[in-house]
Amino acid sequence: MLLDLKMPDMNGMEVLAKIKANWPDVKVIVVTGYASIDNAVQSIQEGAVDFLPKPFTSSELVAAAVGATEVA
């Protein structure tokens, strides 16, 4: 799943927590135009398999998706 941190009604960290609580096997790649080290670390600690700051290339997205499928 691709999950943006900035959304109108709920922030991405809240959504990530709900996803991992209800569907722990779902692989989540967090994307954001508001990247920071704190956001990246928190995303991974909350269960995301990768963190991509915008803008990212199609190659970076493909690499993240392939990496997510390899995470056990």
PDB file of N, CA and C in Angstrom:
ATOM      1  N   MET A   1       0.843  -1.159   0.000  1.00  0.00           N
ATOM      2  CA  MET A   1       0.000   0.000   0.000  1.00  0.00           C
ATOM      3  C   MET A   1       0.893   1.228   0.000  1.00  0.00           C
ATOM      4  N   LEU A   2       0.535   2.220  -0.802  1.00  0.00           N
ATOM      5  CA  LEU A   2       1.194   3.521  -0.737  1.00  0.00           C
ATOM      6  C   LEU A   2       0.346   4.420   0.146  1.00  0.00           C
ATOM      7  N   LEU A   3       0.976   5.058   1.102  1.00  0.00           N
ATOM      8  CA  LEU A   3       0.260   5.897   2.065  1.00  0.00           C
ATOM      9  C   LEU A   3       0.932   7.248   2.163  1.00  0.00           C
ATOM     10  N   ASP A   4       0.198   8.294   1.861  1.00  0.00           N
ATOM     11  CA  ASP A   4       0.724   9.653   1.994  1.00  0.00           C
ATOM     12  C   ASP A   4       0.524  10.119   3.435  1.00  0.00           C
ATOM     13  N   LEU A   5       1.482  10.856   3.955  1.00  0.00           N
ATOM     14  CA  LEU A   5       1.349  11.364   5.326  1.00  0.00           C
ATOM     15  C   LEU A   5       0.367  12.521   5.429  1.00  0.00           C
ATOM     16  N   LYS A   6       0.236  13.303   4.380  1.00  0.00           N
ATOM     17  CA  LYS A   6      -0.613  14.499   4.418  1.00  0.00           C
ATOM     18  C   LYS A   6      -1.940  14.198   3.730  1.00  0.00           C
ATOM     19  N   MET A   7      -3.021  14.153   4.526  1.00  0.00           N
ATOM     20  CA  MET A   7      -4.358  13.896   4.008  1.00  0.00           C
ATOM     21  C   MET A   7      -5.327  14.857   4.677  1.00  0.00           C
ATOM     22  N   PRO A   8      -6.483  15.065   4.073  1.00  0.00           N
ATOM     23  CA  PRO A   8      -7.386  16.100   4.598  1.00  0.00           C
ATOM     24  C   PRO A   8      -8.003  15.821   5.966  1.00  0.00           C
ATOM     25  N   ASP A   9      -8.418  14.596   6.246  1.00  0.00           N
ATOM     26  CA  ASP A   9      -9.174  14.339   7.465  1.00  0.00           C
ATOM     27  C   ASP A   9      -8.409  13.614   8.565  1.00  0.00           C
ATOM     28  N   MET A  10      -7.295  12.999   8.207  1.00  0.00           N
ATOM     29  CA  MET A  10      -6.541  12.221   9.178  1.00  0.00           C
ATOM     30  C   MET A  10      -5.090  12.206   8.705  1.00  0.00           C
ATOM     31  N   ASN A  11      -4.146  12.254   9.618  1.00  0.00           N
ATOM     32  CA  ASN A  11      -2.769  12.219   9.133  1.00  0.00           C
ATOM     33  C   ASN A  11      -2.343  10.777   8.874  1.00  0.00           C
ATOM     34  N   GLY A  12      -1.341  10.639   8.052  1.00  0.00           N
ATOM     35  CA  GLY A  12      -0.897   9.324   7.624  1.00  0.00           C
ATOM     36  C   GLY A  12      -0.410   8.436   8.748  1.00  0.00           C
ATOM     37  N   MET A  13       0.156   9.011   9.779  1.00  0.00           N
ATOM     38  CA  MET A  13       0.616   8.201  10.913  1.00  0.00           C
ATOM     39  C   MET A  13      -0.565   7.543  11.612  1.00  0.00           C
ATOM     40  N   GLU A  14      -1.679   8.251  11.719  1.00  0.00           N
ATOM     41  CA  GLU A  14      -2.887   7.664  12.310  1.00  0.00           C
ATOM     42  C   GLU A  14      -3.399   6.520  11.439  1.00  0.00           C
ATOM     43  N   VAL A  15      -3.402   6.740  10.134  1.00  0.00           N
ATOM     44  CA  VAL A  15      -3.855   5.697   9.212  1.00  0.00           C
ATOM     45  C   VAL A  15      -2.919   4.490   9.285  1.00  0.00           C
ATOM     46  N   LEU A  16      -1.614   4.741   9.305  1.00  0.00           N
ATOM     47  CA  LEU A  16      -0.642   3.654   9.400  1.00  0.00           C
ATOM     48  C   LEU A  16      -0.891   2.818  10.657  1.00  0.00           C
ATOM     49  N   ALA A  17      -1.121   3.465  11.774  1.00  0.00           N
ATOM     50  CA  ALA A  17      -1.394   2.739  13.023  1.00  0.00           C
ATOM     51  C   ALA A  17      -2.645   1.876  12.891  1.00  0.00           C
ATOM     52  N   LYS A  18      -3.697   2.402  12.275  1.00  0.00           N
ATOM     53  CA  LYS A  18      -4.935   1.637  12.093  1.00  0.00           C
ATOM     54  C   LYS A  18      -4.723   0.455  11.149  1.00  0.00           C
ATOM     55  N   ILE A  19      -3.971   0.678  10.081  1.00  0.00           N
ATOM     56  CA  ILE A  19      -3.698  -0.407   9.134  1.00  0.00           C
ATOM     57  C   ILE A  19      -2.938  -1.527   9.829  1.00  0.00           C
ATOM     58  N   LYS A  20      -1.872  -1.177  10.532  1.00  0.00           N
ATOM     59  CA  LYS A  20      -1.045  -2.201  11.172  1.00  0.00           C
ATOM     60  C   LYS A  20      -1.799  -2.912  12.299  1.00  0.00           C
ATOM     61  N   ALA A  21      -2.704  -2.208  12.978  1.00  0.00           N
ATOM     62  CA  ALA A  21      -3.491  -2.833  14.047  1.00  0.00           C
ATOM     63  C   ALA A  21      -4.508  -3.824  13.482  1.00  0.00           C
ATOM     64  N   ASN A  22      -5.095  -3.489  12.337  1.00  0.00           N
ATOM     65  CA  ASN A  22      -6.150  -4.321  11.765  1.00  0.00           C
ATOM     66  C   ASN A  22      -5.660  -5.323  10.722  1.00  0.00           C
ATOM     67  N   TRP A  23      -4.641  -4.963   9.998  1.00  0.00           N
ATOM     68  CA  TRP A  23      -4.101  -5.806   8.928  1.00  0.00           C
ATOM     69  C   TRP A  23      -2.573  -5.794   9.005  1.00  0.00           C
ATOM     70  N   PRO A  24      -2.001  -6.464  10.003  1.00  0.00           N
ATOM     71  CA  PRO A  24      -0.560  -6.373  10.243  1.00  0.00           C
ATOM     72  C   PRO A  24       0.311  -6.884   9.108  1.00  0.00           C
ATOM     73  N   ASP A  25      -0.234  -7.707   8.223  1.00  0.00           N
ATOM     74  CA  ASP A  25       0.562  -8.249   7.128  1.00  0.00           C
ATOM     75  C   ASP A  25       0.628  -7.325   5.905  1.00  0.00           C
ATOM     76  N   VAL A  26      -0.163  -6.269   5.898  1.00  0.00           N
ATOM     77  CA  VAL A  26      -0.139  -5.335   4.773  1.00  0.00           C
ATOM     78  C   VAL A  26       1.188  -4.586   4.772  1.00  0.00           C
ATOM     79  N   LYS A  27       1.834  -4.580   3.628  1.00  0.00           N
ATOM     80  CA  LYS A  27       3.099  -3.853   3.467  1.00  0.00           C
ATOM     81  C   LYS A  27       2.766  -2.408   3.090  1.00  0.00           C
ATOM     82  N   VAL A  28       3.276  -1.468   3.863  1.00  0.00           N
ATOM     83  CA  VAL A  28       2.968  -0.054   3.662  1.00  0.00           C
ATOM     84  C   VAL A  28       4.248   0.704   3.319  1.00  0.00           C
ATOM     85  N   ILE A  29       4.187   1.456   2.224  1.00  0.00           N
ATOM     86  CA  ILE A  29       5.257   2.368   1.835  1.00  0.00           C
ATOM     87  C   ILE A  29       4.716   3.772   2.059  1.00  0.00           C
ATOM     88  N   VAL A  30       5.359   4.509   2.927  1.00  0.00           N
ATOM     89  CA  VAL A  30       4.929   5.876   3.228  1.00  0.00           C
ATOM     90  C   VAL A  30       5.592   6.823   2.239  1.00  0.00           C
ATOM     91  N   VAL A  31       4.790   7.727   1.670  1.00  0.00           N
ATOM     92  CA  VAL A  31       5.298   8.760   0.768  1.00  0.00           C
ATOM     93  C   VAL A  31       4.878  10.124   1.312  1.00  0.00           C
ATOM     94  N   THR A  32       5.721  11.122   1.104  1.00  0.00           N
ATOM     95  CA  THR A  32       5.363  12.446   1.593  1.00  0.00           C
ATOM     96  C   THR A  32       6.168  13.534   0.914  1.00  0.00           C
ATOM     97  N   GLY A  33       5.553  14.660   0.777  1.00  0.00           N
ATOM     98  CA  GLY A  33       6.228  15.861   0.309  1.00  0.00           C
ATOM     99  C   GLY A  33       6.777  16.669   1.474  1.00  0.00           C
ATOM    100  N   TYR A  34       6.574  16.173   2.684  1.00  0.00           N
ATOM    101  CA  TYR A  34       7.012  16.855   3.906  1.00  0.00           C
ATOM    102  C   TYR A  34       7.949  15.939   4.695  1.00  0.00           C
ATOM    103  N   ALA A  35       8.973  15.465   4.016  1.00  0.00           N
ATOM    104  CA  ALA A  35       9.875  14.485   4.614  1.00  0.00           C
ATOM    105  C   ALA A  35      10.755  15.103   5.694  1.00  0.00           C
ATOM    106  N   SER A  36      10.974  14.316   6.732  1.00  0.00           N
ATOM    107  CA  SER A  36      11.928  14.668   7.774  1.00  0.00           C
ATOM    108  C   SER A  36      12.477  13.361   8.331  1.00  0.00           C
ATOM    109  N   ILE A  37      13.597  13.453   8.982  1.00  0.00           N
ATOM    110  CA  ILE A  37      14.180  12.250   9.597  1.00  0.00           C
ATOM    111  C   ILE A  37      13.213  11.706  10.641  1.00  0.00           C
ATOM    112  N   ASP A  38      12.604  12.585  11.418  1.00  0.00           N
ATOM    113  CA  ASP A  38      11.653  12.142  12.449  1.00  0.00           C
ATOM    114  C   ASP A  38      10.483  11.364  11.830  1.00  0.00           C
ATOM    115  N   ASN A  39       9.924  11.886  10.709  1.00  0.00           N
ATOM    116  CA  ASN A  39       8.815  11.193  10.043  1.00  0.00           C
ATOM    117  C   ASN A  39       9.257   9.838   9.507  1.00  0.00           C
ATOM    118  N   ALA A  40      10.440   9.785   8.938  1.00  0.00           N
ATOM    119  CA  ALA A  40      10.944   8.523   8.388  1.00  0.00           C
ATOM    120  C   ALA A  40      11.125   7.497   9.501  1.00  0.00           C
ATOM    121  N   VAL A  41      11.761   7.893  10.585  1.00  0.00           N
ATOM    122  CA  VAL A  41      11.998   6.979  11.702  1.00  0.00           C
ATOM    123  C   VAL A  41      10.671   6.525  12.304  1.00  0.00           C
ATOM    124  N   GLN A  42       9.758   7.451  12.529  1.00  0.00           N
ATOM    125  CA  GLN A  42       8.463   7.094  13.120  1.00  0.00           C
ATOM    126  C   GLN A  42       7.693   6.139  12.208  1.00  0.00           C
ATOM    127  N   SER A  43       7.736   6.381  10.902  1.00  0.00           N
ATOM    128  CA  SER A  43       7.028   5.511   9.956  1.00  0.00           C
ATOM    129  C   SER A  43       7.530   4.073  10.046  1.00  0.00           C
ATOM    130  N   ILE A  44       8.843   3.918  10.060  1.00  0.00           N
ATOM    131  CA  ILE A  44       9.424   2.581  10.124  1.00  0.00           C
ATOM    132  C   ILE A  44       9.114   1.940  11.483  1.00  0.00           C
ATOM    133  N   GLN A  45       9.207   2.715  12.557  1.00  0.00           N
ATOM    134  CA  GLN A  45       8.883   2.182  13.887  1.00  0.00           C
ATOM    135  C   GLN A  45       7.426   1.749  13.982  1.00  0.00           C
ATOM    136  N   GLU A  46       6.551   2.452  13.252  1.00  0.00           N
ATOM    137  CA  GLU A  46       5.115   2.132  13.269  1.00  0.00           C
ATOM    138  C   GLU A  46       4.765   0.978  12.333  1.00  0.00           C
ATOM    139  N   GLY A  47       5.751   0.503  11.543  1.00  0.00           N
ATOM    140  CA  GLY A  47       5.494  -0.682  10.729  1.00  0.00           C
ATOM    141  C   GLY A  47       5.590  -0.510   9.232  1.00  0.00           C
ATOM    142  N   ALA A  48       5.875   0.695   8.744  1.00  0.00           N
ATOM    143  CA  ALA A  48       6.062   0.866   7.305  1.00  0.00           C
ATOM    144  C   ALA A  48       7.322   0.118   6.875  1.00  0.00           C
ATOM    145  N   VAL A  49       7.309  -0.391   5.653  1.00  0.00           N
ATOM    146  CA  VAL A  49       8.482  -1.104   5.150  1.00  0.00           C
ATOM    147  C   VAL A  49       9.439  -0.180   4.410  1.00  0.00           C
ATOM    148  N   ASP A  50       8.969   1.014   4.034  1.00  0.00           N
ATOM    149  CA  ASP A  50       9.835   1.974   3.354  1.00  0.00           C
ATOM    150  C   ASP A  50       9.230   3.362   3.486  1.00  0.00           C
ATOM    151  N   PHE A  51      10.040   4.354   3.171  1.00  0.00           N
ATOM    152  CA  PHE A  51       9.655   5.769   3.276  1.00  0.00           C
ATOM    153  C   PHE A  51      10.244   6.480   2.067  1.00  0.00           C
ATOM    154  N   LEU A  52       9.386   7.092   1.251  1.00  0.00           N
ATOM    155  CA  LEU A  52       9.852   7.788   0.054  1.00  0.00           C
ATOM    156  C   LEU A  52       9.479   9.264   0.115  1.00  0.00           C
ATOM    157  N   PRO A  53      10.475  10.138   0.124  1.00  0.00           N
ATOM    158  CA  PRO A  53      10.158  11.563   0.038  1.00  0.00           C
ATOM    159  C   PRO A  53       9.822  11.938  -1.402  1.00  0.00           C
ATOM    160  N   LYS A  54       8.837  12.820  -1.558  1.00  0.00           N
ATOM    161  CA  LYS A  54       8.486  13.333  -2.885  1.00  0.00           C
ATOM    162  C   LYS A  54       9.420  14.484  -3.226  1.00  0.00           C
ATOM    163  N   PRO A  55       9.735  14.687  -4.450  1.00  0.00           N
ATOM    164  CA  PRO A  55       9.380  13.829  -5.577  1.00  0.00           C
ATOM    165  C   PRO A  55      10.303  12.625  -5.633  1.00  0.00           C
ATOM    166  N   PHE A  56       9.764  11.503  -6.072  1.00  0.00           N
ATOM    167  CA  PHE A  56      10.575  10.312  -6.259  1.00  0.00           C
ATOM    168  C   PHE A  56      10.425   9.863  -7.702  1.00  0.00           C
ATOM    169  N   THR A  57      11.392   9.099  -8.163  1.00  0.00           N
ATOM    170  CA  THR A  57      11.362   8.633  -9.546  1.00  0.00           C
ATOM    171  C   THR A  57      10.574   7.325  -9.628  1.00  0.00           C
ATOM    172  N   SER A  58      10.202   6.969 -10.831  1.00  0.00           N
ATOM    173  CA  SER A  58       9.507   5.699 -11.019  1.00  0.00           C
ATOM    174  C   SER A  58      10.421   4.536 -10.621  1.00  0.00           C
ATOM    175  N   SER A  59      11.716   4.677 -10.850  1.00  0.00           N
ATOM    176  CA  SER A  59      12.668   3.629 -10.460  1.00  0.00           C
ATOM    177  C   SER A  59      12.708   3.465  -8.946  1.00  0.00           C
ATOM    178  N   GLU A  60      12.667   4.570  -8.217  1.00  0.00           N
ATOM    179  CA  GLU A  60      12.657   4.500  -6.750  1.00  0.00           C
ATOM    180  C   GLU A  60      11.377   3.829  -6.249  1.00  0.00           C
ATOM    181  N   LEU A  61      10.254   4.150  -6.887  1.00  0.00           N
ATOM    182  CA  LEU A  61       8.980   3.544  -6.490  1.00  0.00           C
ATOM    183  C   LEU A  61       8.986   2.043  -6.769  1.00  0.00           C
ATOM    184  N   VAL A  62       9.474   1.668  -7.939  1.00  0.00           N
ATOM    185  CA  VAL A  62       9.543   0.242  -8.273  1.00  0.00           C
ATOM    186  C   VAL A  62      10.458  -0.480  -7.288  1.00  0.00           C
ATOM    187  N   ALA A  63      11.611   0.098  -6.976  1.00  0.00           N
ATOM    188  CA  ALA A  63      12.538  -0.525  -6.031  1.00  0.00           C
ATOM    189  C   ALA A  63      11.882  -0.695  -4.660  1.00  0.00           C
ATOM    190  N   ALA A  64      11.130   0.308  -4.212  1.00  0.00           N
ATOM    191  CA  ALA A  64      10.444   0.213  -2.921  1.00  0.00           C
ATOM    192  C   ALA A  64       9.385  -0.879  -2.948  1.00  0.00           C
ATOM    193  N   ALA A  65       8.642  -0.971  -4.054  1.00  0.00           N
ATOM    194  CA  ALA A  65       7.593  -1.992  -4.175  1.00  0.00           C
ATOM    195  C   ALA A  65       8.205  -3.386  -4.203  1.00  0.00           C
ATOM    196  N   VAL A  66       9.282  -3.560  -4.947  1.00  0.00           N
ATOM    197  CA  VAL A  66       9.956  -4.857  -4.990  1.00  0.00           C
ATOM    198  C   VAL A  66      10.497  -5.198  -3.602  1.00  0.00           C
ATOM    199  N   GLY A  67      11.111  -4.225  -2.945  1.00  0.00           N
ATOM    200  CA  GLY A  67      11.620  -4.449  -1.593  1.00  0.00           C
ATOM    201  C   GLY A  67      10.520  -4.832  -0.627  1.00  0.00           C
ATOM    202  N   ALA A  68       9.356  -4.215  -0.770  1.00  0.00           N
ATOM    203  CA  ALA A  68       8.229  -4.523   0.126  1.00  0.00           C
ATOM    204  C   ALA A  68       7.758  -5.956  -0.046  1.00  0.00           C
ATOM    205  N   THR A  69       7.821  -6.471  -1.262  1.00  0.00           N
ATOM    206  CA  THR A  69       7.387  -7.852  -1.486  1.00  0.00           C
ATOM    207  C   THR A  69       8.391  -8.847  -0.927  1.00  0.00           C
ATOM    208  N   GLU A  70       9.636  -8.401  -0.715  1.00  0.00           N
ATOM    209  CA  GLU A  70      10.671  -9.292  -0.188  1.00  0.00           C
ATOM    210  C   GLU A  70      10.736  -9.284   1.342  1.00  0.00           C
ATOM    211  N   VAL A  71      10.040  -8.335   1.979  1.00  0.00           N
ATOM    212  CA  VAL A  71      10.038  -8.260   3.441  1.00  0.00           C
ATOM    213  C   VAL A  71       9.175  -9.386   3.984  1.00  0.00           C
ATOM    214  N   ALA A  72       9.728 -10.128   4.904  1.00  0.00           N
ATOM    215  CA  ALA A  72       8.990 -11.274   5.479  1.00  0.00           C
ATOM    216  C   ALA A  72       7.980 -10.820   6.502  1.00  0.00           C
TER     217      ALA A  72
END
